[in-house]
Amino acid sequence: MRTIITPEQFAAIPESNIYYPLLKILYHTGLRISEALGLTWDDIDLETGAVSISRQRIQAGYFDTPKTKNKCTDILCGCAASLLFACA
């Protein structure tokens, strides 16, 4: 069962949490955690905010194609793109 958190619940997550950047990306994009863990910097266009989803992490050190058969591109919202840019 999928749980969707409210904006208030997300706001309660401390920014000092080690997983906060990942959680913020997941919250604002709707990516699966395996897709987010499969991202590399080559998949991210910081100028446009586009993210190309071409692999997913299935276990430590092993990657596979995403569940969606076609390679897809998601557009990040401004705050997630800004977060990635700050990490670059």
PDB file of N, CA and C in Angstrom:
ATOM      1  N   MET A   1       0.841  -1.178   0.000  1.00  0.00           N
ATOM      2  CA  MET A   1       0.000   0.000   0.000  1.00  0.00           C
ATOM      3  C   MET A   1       0.888   1.243   0.000  1.00  0.00           C
ATOM      4  N   ARG A   2       0.554   2.179  -0.825  1.00  0.00           N
ATOM      5  CA  ARG A   2       1.331   3.407  -0.952  1.00  0.00           C
ATOM      6  C   ARG A   2       0.797   4.459   0.014  1.00  0.00           C
ATOM      7  N   THR A   3       1.714   5.117   0.723  1.00  0.00           N
ATOM      8  CA  THR A   3       1.337   6.169   1.647  1.00  0.00           C
ATOM      9  C   THR A   3       1.785   7.505   1.087  1.00  0.00           C
ATOM     10  N   ILE A   4       0.869   8.448   1.046  1.00  0.00           N
ATOM     11  CA  ILE A   4       1.193   9.787   0.561  1.00  0.00           C
ATOM     12  C   ILE A   4       1.227  10.715   1.762  1.00  0.00           C
ATOM     13  N   ILE A   5       2.340  11.412   1.921  1.00  0.00           N
ATOM     14  CA  ILE A   5       2.444  12.310   3.065  1.00  0.00           C
ATOM     15  C   ILE A   5       1.933  13.694   2.695  1.00  0.00           C
ATOM     16  N   THR A   6       1.470  14.389   3.697  1.00  0.00           N
ATOM     17  CA  THR A   6       0.933  15.737   3.492  1.00  0.00           C
ATOM     18  C   THR A   6       2.075  16.750   3.489  1.00  0.00           C
ATOM     19  N   PRO A   7       1.824  17.953   2.979  1.00  0.00           N
ATOM     20  CA  PRO A   7       2.851  19.002   3.047  1.00  0.00           C
ATOM     21  C   PRO A   7       3.301  19.271   4.487  1.00  0.00           C
ATOM     22  N   GLU A   8       2.380  19.174   5.424  1.00  0.00           N
ATOM     23  CA  GLU A   8       2.726  19.408   6.823  1.00  0.00           C
ATOM     24  C   GLU A   8       3.665  18.321   7.344  1.00  0.00           C
ATOM     25  N   GLN A   9       3.405  17.076   6.962  1.00  0.00           N
ATOM     26  CA  GLN A   9       4.274  15.973   7.379  1.00  0.00           C
ATOM     27  C   GLN A   9       5.670  16.129   6.771  1.00  0.00           C
ATOM     28  N   PHE A  10       5.728  16.536   5.497  1.00  0.00           N
ATOM     29  CA  PHE A  10       7.033  16.720   4.877  1.00  0.00           C
ATOM     30  C   PHE A  10       7.792  17.868   5.543  1.00  0.00           C
ATOM     31  N   ALA A  11       7.082  18.944   5.866  1.00  0.00           N
ATOM     32  CA  ALA A  11       7.711  20.103   6.508  1.00  0.00           C
ATOM     33  C   ALA A  11       8.278  19.742   7.880  1.00  0.00           C
ATOM     34  N   ALA A  12       7.752  18.691   8.492  1.00  0.00           N
ATOM     35  CA  ALA A  12       8.221  18.278   9.819  1.00  0.00           C
ATOM     36  C   ALA A  12       9.546  17.504   9.757  1.00  0.00           C
ATOM     37  N   ILE A  13       9.981  17.116   8.580  1.00  0.00           N
ATOM     38  CA  ILE A  13      11.254  16.396   8.443  1.00  0.00           C
ATOM     39  C   ILE A  13      12.382  17.404   8.594  1.00  0.00           C
ATOM     40  N   PRO A  14      13.284  17.185   9.546  1.00  0.00           N
ATOM     41  CA  PRO A  14      14.369  18.163   9.736  1.00  0.00           C
ATOM     42  C   PRO A  14      15.326  18.178   8.541  1.00  0.00           C
ATOM     43  N   GLU A  15      15.720  19.370   8.119  1.00  0.00           N
ATOM     44  CA  GLU A  15      16.650  19.491   6.995  1.00  0.00           C
ATOM     45  C   GLU A  15      18.014  18.904   7.324  1.00  0.00           C
ATOM     46  N   SER A  16      18.300  18.707   8.604  1.00  0.00           N
ATOM     47  CA  SER A  16      19.574  18.112   9.010  1.00  0.00           C
ATOM     48  C   SER A  16      19.576  16.590   8.853  1.00  0.00           C
ATOM     49  N   ASN A  17      18.419  16.001   8.539  1.00  0.00           N
ATOM     50  CA  ASN A  17      18.319  14.560   8.322  1.00  0.00           C
ATOM     51  C   ASN A  17      19.201  14.177   7.141  1.00  0.00           C
ATOM     52  N   ILE A  18      19.999  13.136   7.300  1.00  0.00           N
ATOM     53  CA  ILE A  18      20.939  12.723   6.247  1.00  0.00           C
ATOM     54  C   ILE A  18      20.215  12.387   4.936  1.00  0.00           C
ATOM     55  N   TYR A  19      18.969  11.955   5.018  1.00  0.00           N
ATOM     56  CA  TYR A  19      18.214  11.569   3.828  1.00  0.00           C
ATOM     57  C   TYR A  19      17.333  12.694   3.284  1.00  0.00           C
ATOM     58  N   TYR A  20      17.405  13.876   3.865  1.00  0.00           N
ATOM     59  CA  TYR A  20      16.533  14.977   3.457  1.00  0.00           C
ATOM     60  C   TYR A  20      16.627  15.297   1.958  1.00  0.00           C
ATOM     61  N   PRO A  21      17.827  15.425   1.375  1.00  0.00           N
ATOM     62  CA  PRO A  21      17.876  15.723  -0.076  1.00  0.00           C
ATOM     63  C   PRO A  21      17.164  14.657  -0.916  1.00  0.00           C
ATOM     64  N   LEU A  22      17.361  13.386  -0.592  1.00  0.00           N
ATOM     65  CA  LEU A  22      16.686  12.314  -1.332  1.00  0.00           C
ATOM     66  C   LEU A  22      15.180  12.384  -1.106  1.00  0.00           C
ATOM     67  N   LEU A  23      14.761  12.577   0.128  1.00  0.00           N
ATOM     68  CA  LEU A  23      13.335  12.654   0.433  1.00  0.00           C
ATOM     69  C   LEU A  23      12.674  13.832  -0.284  1.00  0.00           C
ATOM     70  N   LYS A  24      13.386  14.943  -0.378  1.00  0.00           N
ATOM     71  CA  LYS A  24      12.838  16.124  -1.051  1.00  0.00           C
ATOM     72  C   LYS A  24      12.638  15.842  -2.539  1.00  0.00           C
ATOM     73  N   ILE A  25      13.597  15.193  -3.155  1.00  0.00           N
ATOM     74  CA  ILE A  25      13.476  14.837  -4.576  1.00  0.00           C
ATOM     75  C   ILE A  25      12.308  13.881  -4.779  1.00  0.00           C
ATOM     76  N   LEU A  26      12.205  12.862  -3.924  1.00  0.00           N
ATOM     77  CA  LEU A  26      11.106  11.904  -4.039  1.00  0.00           C
ATOM     78  C   LEU A  26       9.758  12.598  -3.849  1.00  0.00           C
ATOM     79  N   TYR A  27       9.671  13.457  -2.863  1.00  0.00           N
ATOM     80  CA  TYR A  27       8.411  14.138  -2.554  1.00  0.00           C
ATOM     81  C   TYR A  27       7.959  15.039  -3.698  1.00  0.00           C
ATOM     82  N   HIS A  28       8.882  15.760  -4.302  1.00  0.00           N
ATOM     83  CA  HIS A  28       8.510  16.742  -5.326  1.00  0.00           C
ATOM     84  C   HIS A  28       8.416  16.166  -6.733  1.00  0.00           C
ATOM     85  N   THR A  29       8.939  14.972  -6.969  1.00  0.00           N
ATOM     86  CA  THR A  29       8.913  14.420  -8.326  1.00  0.00           C
ATOM     87  C   THR A  29       8.044  13.185  -8.473  1.00  0.00           C
ATOM     88  N   GLY A  30       7.805  12.464  -7.392  1.00  0.00           N
ATOM     89  CA  GLY A  30       7.033  11.229  -7.488  1.00  0.00           C
ATOM     90  C   GLY A  30       7.840  10.052  -8.014  1.00  0.00           C
ATOM     91  N   LEU A  31       9.164  10.197  -8.076  1.00  0.00           N
ATOM     92  CA  LEU A  31      10.006   9.079  -8.511  1.00  0.00           C
ATOM     93  C   LEU A  31       9.904   7.918  -7.520  1.00  0.00           C
ATOM     94  N   ARG A  32      10.088   6.720  -8.029  1.00  0.00           N
ATOM     95  CA  ARG A  32      10.246   5.563  -7.141  1.00  0.00           C
ATOM     96  C   ARG A  32      11.628   5.673  -6.504  1.00  0.00           C
ATOM     97  N   ILE A  33      11.769   5.154  -5.295  1.00  0.00           N
ATOM     98  CA  ILE A  33      13.059   5.245  -4.605  1.00  0.00           C
ATOM     99  C   ILE A  33      14.153   4.544  -5.417  1.00  0.00           C
ATOM    100  N   SER A  34      13.814   3.425  -6.063  1.00  0.00           N
ATOM    101  CA  SER A  34      14.811   2.705  -6.866  1.00  0.00           C
ATOM    102  C   SER A  34      15.263   3.552  -8.057  1.00  0.00           C
ATOM    103  N   GLU A  35      14.346   4.350  -8.638  1.00  0.00           N
ATOM    104  CA  GLU A  35      14.702   5.227  -9.757  1.00  0.00           C
ATOM    105  C   GLU A  35      15.601   6.361  -9.281  1.00  0.00           C
ATOM    106  N   ALA A  36      15.276   6.941  -8.142  1.00  0.00           N
ATOM    107  CA  ALA A  36      16.099   8.030  -7.600  1.00  0.00           C
ATOM    108  C   ALA A  36      17.502   7.527  -7.263  1.00  0.00           C
ATOM    109  N   LEU A  37      17.593   6.317  -6.732  1.00  0.00           N
ATOM    110  CA  LEU A  37      18.909   5.754  -6.386  1.00  0.00           C
ATOM    111  C   LEU A  37      19.705   5.341  -7.626  1.00  0.00           C
ATOM    112  N   GLY A  38      19.041   5.233  -8.762  1.00  0.00           N
ATOM    113  CA  GLY A  38      19.725   4.904 -10.014  1.00  0.00           C
ATOM    114  C   GLY A  38      20.224   6.119 -10.780  1.00  0.00           C
ATOM    115  N   LEU A  39      19.904   7.319 -10.295  1.00  0.00           N
ATOM    116  CA  LEU A  39      20.321   8.532 -11.000  1.00  0.00           C
ATOM    117  C   LEU A  39      21.820   8.774 -10.913  1.00  0.00           C
ATOM    118  N   THR A  40      22.375   9.307 -11.988  1.00  0.00           N
ATOM    119  CA  THR A  40      23.751   9.800 -11.987  1.00  0.00           C
ATOM    120  C   THR A  40      23.692  11.255 -12.456  1.00  0.00           C
ATOM    121  N   TRP A  41      24.782  11.978 -12.299  1.00  0.00           N
ATOM    122  CA  TRP A  41      24.793  13.383 -12.725  1.00  0.00           C
ATOM    123  C   TRP A  41      24.575  13.514 -14.224  1.00  0.00           C
ATOM    124  N   ASP A  42      24.922  12.473 -14.999  1.00  0.00           N
ATOM    125  CA  ASP A  42      24.686  12.508 -16.443  1.00  0.00           C
ATOM    126  C   ASP A  42      23.190  12.516 -16.778  1.00  0.00           C
ATOM    127  N   ASP A  43      22.348  12.068 -15.845  1.00  0.00           N
ATOM    128  CA  ASP A  43      20.907  12.004 -16.070  1.00  0.00           C
ATOM    129  C   ASP A  43      20.204  13.331 -15.791  1.00  0.00           C
ATOM    130  N   ILE A  44      20.926  14.295 -15.245  1.00  0.00           N
ATOM    131  CA  ILE A  44      20.303  15.524 -14.754  1.00  0.00           C
ATOM    132  C   ILE A  44      20.791  16.734 -15.547  1.00  0.00           C
ATOM    133  N   ASP A  45      19.853  17.507 -16.071  1.00  0.00           N
ATOM    134  CA  ASP A  45      20.168  18.760 -16.749  1.00  0.00           C
ATOM    135  C   ASP A  45      19.812  19.888 -15.788  1.00  0.00           C
ATOM    136  N   LEU A  46      20.815  20.464 -15.141  1.00  0.00           N
ATOM    137  CA  LEU A  46      20.578  21.490 -14.133  1.00  0.00           C
ATOM    138  C   LEU A  46      20.029  22.787 -14.720  1.00  0.00           C
ATOM    139  N   GLU A  47      20.264  23.029 -16.001  1.00  0.00           N
ATOM    140  CA  GLU A  47      19.760  24.256 -16.619  1.00  0.00           C
ATOM    141  C   GLU A  47      18.257  24.192 -16.861  1.00  0.00           C
ATOM    142  N   THR A  48      17.763  23.051 -17.313  1.00  0.00           N
ATOM    143  CA  THR A  48      16.333  22.929 -17.632  1.00  0.00           C
ATOM    144  C   THR A  48      15.539  22.265 -16.517  1.00  0.00           C
ATOM    145  N   GLY A  49      16.217  21.550 -15.628  1.00  0.00           N
ATOM    146  CA  GLY A  49      15.527  20.821 -14.572  1.00  0.00           C
ATOM    147  C   GLY A  49      15.009  19.468 -15.027  1.00  0.00           C
ATOM    148  N   ALA A  50      15.407  19.020 -16.221  1.00  0.00           N
ATOM    149  CA  ALA A  50      14.952  17.727 -16.737  1.00  0.00           C
ATOM    150  C   ALA A  50      15.798  16.603 -16.159  1.00  0.00           C
ATOM    151  N   VAL A  51      15.138  15.507 -15.860  1.00  0.00           N
ATOM    152  CA  VAL A  51      15.821  14.321 -15.354  1.00  0.00           C
ATOM    153  C   VAL A  51      15.442  13.153 -16.243  1.00  0.00           C
ATOM    154  N   SER A  52      16.442  12.443 -16.742  1.00  0.00           N
ATOM    155  CA  SER A  52      16.219  11.287 -17.592  1.00  0.00           C
ATOM    156  C   SER A  52      16.303  10.030 -16.725  1.00  0.00           C
ATOM    157  N   ILE A  53      15.227   9.276 -16.688  1.00  0.00           N
ATOM    158  CA  ILE A  53      15.178   8.054 -15.887  1.00  0.00           C
ATOM    159  C   ILE A  53      15.499   6.879 -16.809  1.00  0.00           C
ATOM    160  N   SER A  54      16.690   6.314 -16.675  1.00  0.00           N
ATOM    161  CA  SER A  54      17.092   5.242 -17.582  1.00  0.00           C
ATOM    162  C   SER A  54      17.534   3.979 -16.852  1.00  0.00           C
ATOM    163  N   ARG A  55      17.605   4.042 -15.508  1.00  0.00           N
ATOM    164  CA  ARG A  55      17.994   2.855 -14.747  1.00  0.00           C
ATOM    165  C   ARG A  55      17.404   2.959 -13.353  1.00  0.00           C
ATOM    166  N   GLN A  56      17.320   1.825 -12.697  1.00  0.00           N
ATOM    167  CA  GLN A  56      16.909   1.805 -11.299  1.00  0.00           C
ATOM    168  C   GLN A  56      17.831   0.868 -10.536  1.00  0.00           C
ATOM    169  N   ARG A  57      18.048   1.176  -9.296  1.00  0.00           N
ATOM    170  CA  ARG A  57      18.903   0.336  -8.456  1.00  0.00           C
ATOM    171  C   ARG A  57      18.045  -0.800  -7.923  1.00  0.00           C
ATOM    172  N   ILE A  58      18.518  -2.050  -8.133  1.00  0.00           N
ATOM    173  CA  ILE A  58      17.758  -3.193  -7.634  1.00  0.00           C
ATOM    174  C   ILE A  58      18.375  -3.780  -6.365  1.00  0.00           C
ATOM    175  N   GLN A  59      19.666  -3.621  -6.198  1.00  0.00           N
ATOM    176  CA  GLN A  59      20.370  -3.964  -4.957  1.00  0.00           C
ATOM    177  C   GLN A  59      21.748  -3.342  -5.047  1.00  0.00           C
ATOM    178  N   ALA A  60      22.474  -3.365  -3.946  1.00  0.00           N
ATOM    179  CA  ALA A  60      23.786  -2.702  -3.906  1.00  0.00           C
ATOM    180  C   ALA A  60      24.645  -3.132  -5.087  1.00  0.00           C
ATOM    181  N   GLY A  61      25.019  -2.159  -5.921  1.00  0.00           N
ATOM    182  CA  GLY A  61      25.911  -2.418  -7.045  1.00  0.00           C
ATOM    183  C   GLY A  61      25.238  -2.975  -8.283  1.00  0.00           C
ATOM    184  N   TYR A  62      23.930  -3.206  -8.259  1.00  0.00           N
ATOM    185  CA  TYR A  62      23.226  -3.779  -9.401  1.00  0.00           C
ATOM    186  C   TYR A  62      22.105  -2.847  -9.853  1.00  0.00           C
ATOM    187  N   PHE A  63      22.055  -2.635 -11.166  1.00  0.00           N
ATOM    188  CA  PHE A  63      21.064  -1.734 -11.740  1.00  0.00           C
ATOM    189  C   PHE A  63      20.330  -2.449 -12.863  1.00  0.00           C
ATOM    190  N   ASP A  64      19.113  -1.993 -13.143  1.00  0.00           N
ATOM    191  CA  ASP A  64      18.289  -2.567 -14.199  1.00  0.00           C
ATOM    192  C   ASP A  64      17.510  -1.431 -14.848  1.00  0.00           C
ATOM    193  N   THR A  65      16.817  -1.719 -15.940  1.00  0.00           N
ATOM    194  CA  THR A  65      15.983  -0.696 -16.572  1.00  0.00           C
ATOM    195  C   THR A  65      14.762  -0.453 -15.680  1.00  0.00           C
ATOM    196  N   PRO A  66      14.165   0.735 -15.773  1.00  0.00           N
ATOM    197  CA  PRO A  66      12.992   1.026 -14.943  1.00  0.00           C
ATOM    198  C   PRO A  66      11.805   0.137 -15.283  1.00  0.00           C
ATOM    199  N   LYS A  67      10.819   0.122 -14.388  1.00  0.00           N
ATOM    200  CA  LYS A  67       9.615  -0.679 -14.618  1.00  0.00           C
ATOM    201  C   LYS A  67       8.879  -0.234 -15.870  1.00  0.00           C
ATOM    202  N   THR A  68       8.913   1.069 -16.153  1.00  0.00           N
ATOM    203  CA  THR A  68       8.300   1.582 -17.371  1.00  0.00           C
ATOM    204  C   THR A  68       9.180   1.176 -18.536  1.00  0.00           C
ATOM    205  N   LYS A  69       8.608   0.557 -19.555  1.00  0.00           N
ATOM    206  CA  LYS A  69       9.417   0.029 -20.650  1.00  0.00           C
ATOM    207  C   LYS A  69      10.101   1.110 -21.467  1.00  0.00           C
ATOM    208  N   ASN A  70       9.440   2.235 -21.669  1.00  0.00           N
ATOM    209  CA  ASN A  70      10.035   3.324 -22.447  1.00  0.00           C
ATOM    210  C   ASN A  70      10.859   4.215 -21.538  1.00  0.00           C
ATOM    211  N   LYS A  71      12.002   4.668 -22.045  1.00  0.00           N
ATOM    212  CA  LYS A  71      12.795   5.638 -21.300  1.00  0.00           C
ATOM    213  C   LYS A  71      11.966   6.911 -21.188  1.00  0.00           C
ATOM    214  N   CYS A  72      11.831   7.410 -19.984  1.00  0.00           N
ATOM    215  CA  CYS A  72      11.000   8.597 -19.817  1.00  0.00           C
ATOM    216  C   CYS A  72      11.810   9.721 -19.200  1.00  0.00           C
ATOM    217  N   THR A  73      11.327  10.926 -19.336  1.00  0.00           N
ATOM    218  CA  THR A  73      11.964  12.097 -18.757  1.00  0.00           C
ATOM    219  C   THR A  73      10.955  12.793 -17.870  1.00  0.00           C
ATOM    220  N   ASP A  74      11.340  13.064 -16.647  1.00  0.00           N
ATOM    221  CA  ASP A  74      10.487  13.807 -15.721  1.00  0.00           C
ATOM    222  C   ASP A  74      11.065  15.199 -15.565  1.00  0.00           C
ATOM    223  N   ILE A  75      10.229  16.155 -15.340  1.00  0.00           N
ATOM    224  CA  ILE A  75      10.673  17.524 -15.109  1.00  0.00           C
ATOM    225  C   ILE A  75      10.612  17.803 -13.621  1.00  0.00           C
ATOM    226  N   LEU A  76      11.720  18.243 -13.066  1.00  0.00           N
ATOM    227  CA  LEU A  76      11.761  18.584 -11.652  1.00  0.00           C
ATOM    228  C   LEU A  76      11.129  19.942 -11.419  1.00  0.00           C
ATOM    229  N   CYS A  77      10.519  20.088 -10.257  1.00  0.00           N
ATOM    230  CA  CYS A  77      10.051  21.429  -9.899  1.00  0.00           C
ATOM    231  C   CYS A  77      11.263  22.259  -9.491  1.00  0.00           C
ATOM    232  N   GLY A  78      11.106  23.537  -9.416  1.00  0.00           N
ATOM    233  CA  GLY A  78      12.215  24.449  -9.143  1.00  0.00           C
ATOM    234  C   GLY A  78      12.973  24.139  -7.875  1.00  0.00           C
ATOM    235  N   CYS A  79      12.261  23.789  -6.794  1.00  0.00           N
ATOM    236  CA  CYS A  79      12.965  23.577  -5.527  1.00  0.00           C
ATOM    237  C   CYS A  79      13.844  22.329  -5.581  1.00  0.00           C
ATOM    238  N   ALA A  80      13.406  21.272  -6.258  1.00  0.00           N
ATOM    239  CA  ALA A  80      14.225  20.073  -6.359  1.00  0.00           C
ATOM    240  C   ALA A  80      15.424  20.324  -7.275  1.00  0.00           C
ATOM    241  N   ALA A  81      15.206  21.060  -8.384  1.00  0.00           N
ATOM    242  CA  ALA A  81      16.322  21.400  -9.273  1.00  0.00           C
ATOM    243  C   ALA A  81      17.331  22.260  -8.537  1.00  0.00           C
ATOM    244  N   SER A  82      16.855  23.200  -7.722  1.00  0.00           N
ATOM    245  CA  SER A  82      17.755  24.041  -6.935  1.00  0.00           C
ATOM    246  C   SER A  82      18.557  23.214  -5.951  1.00  0.00           C
ATOM    247  N   LEU A  83      17.925  22.229  -5.352  1.00  0.00           N
ATOM    248  CA  LEU A  83      18.612  21.354  -4.405  1.00  0.00           C
ATOM    249  C   LEU A  83      19.724  20.575  -5.104  1.00  0.00           C
ATOM    250  N   LEU A  84      19.423  20.021  -6.290  1.00  0.00           N
ATOM    251  CA  LEU A  84      20.447  19.291  -7.033  1.00  0.00           C
ATOM    252  C   LEU A  84      21.580  20.206  -7.456  1.00  0.00           C
ATOM    253  N   PHE A  85      21.251  21.416  -7.893  1.00  0.00           N
ATOM    254  CA  PHE A  85      22.271  22.370  -8.290  1.00  0.00           C
ATOM    255  C   PHE A  85      23.197  22.696  -7.123  1.00  0.00           C
ATOM    256  N   ALA A  86      22.640  22.819  -5.926  1.00  0.00           N
ATOM    257  CA  ALA A  86      23.456  23.115  -4.735  1.00  0.00           C
ATOM    258  C   ALA A  86      24.386  21.957  -4.403  1.00  0.00           C
ATOM    259  N   CYS A  87      24.014  20.732  -4.771  1.00  0.00           N
ATOM    260  CA  CYS A  87      24.834  19.551  -4.481  1.00  0.00           C
ATOM    261  C   CYS A  87      25.923  19.331  -5.530  1.00  0.00           C
ATOM    262  N   ALA A  88      25.776  19.979  -6.693  1.00  0.00           N
ATOM    263  CA  ALA A  88      26.713  19.742  -7.808  1.00  0.00           C
ATOM    264  C   ALA A  88      28.096  20.252  -7.496  1.00  0.00           C
TER     265      ALA A  88
END
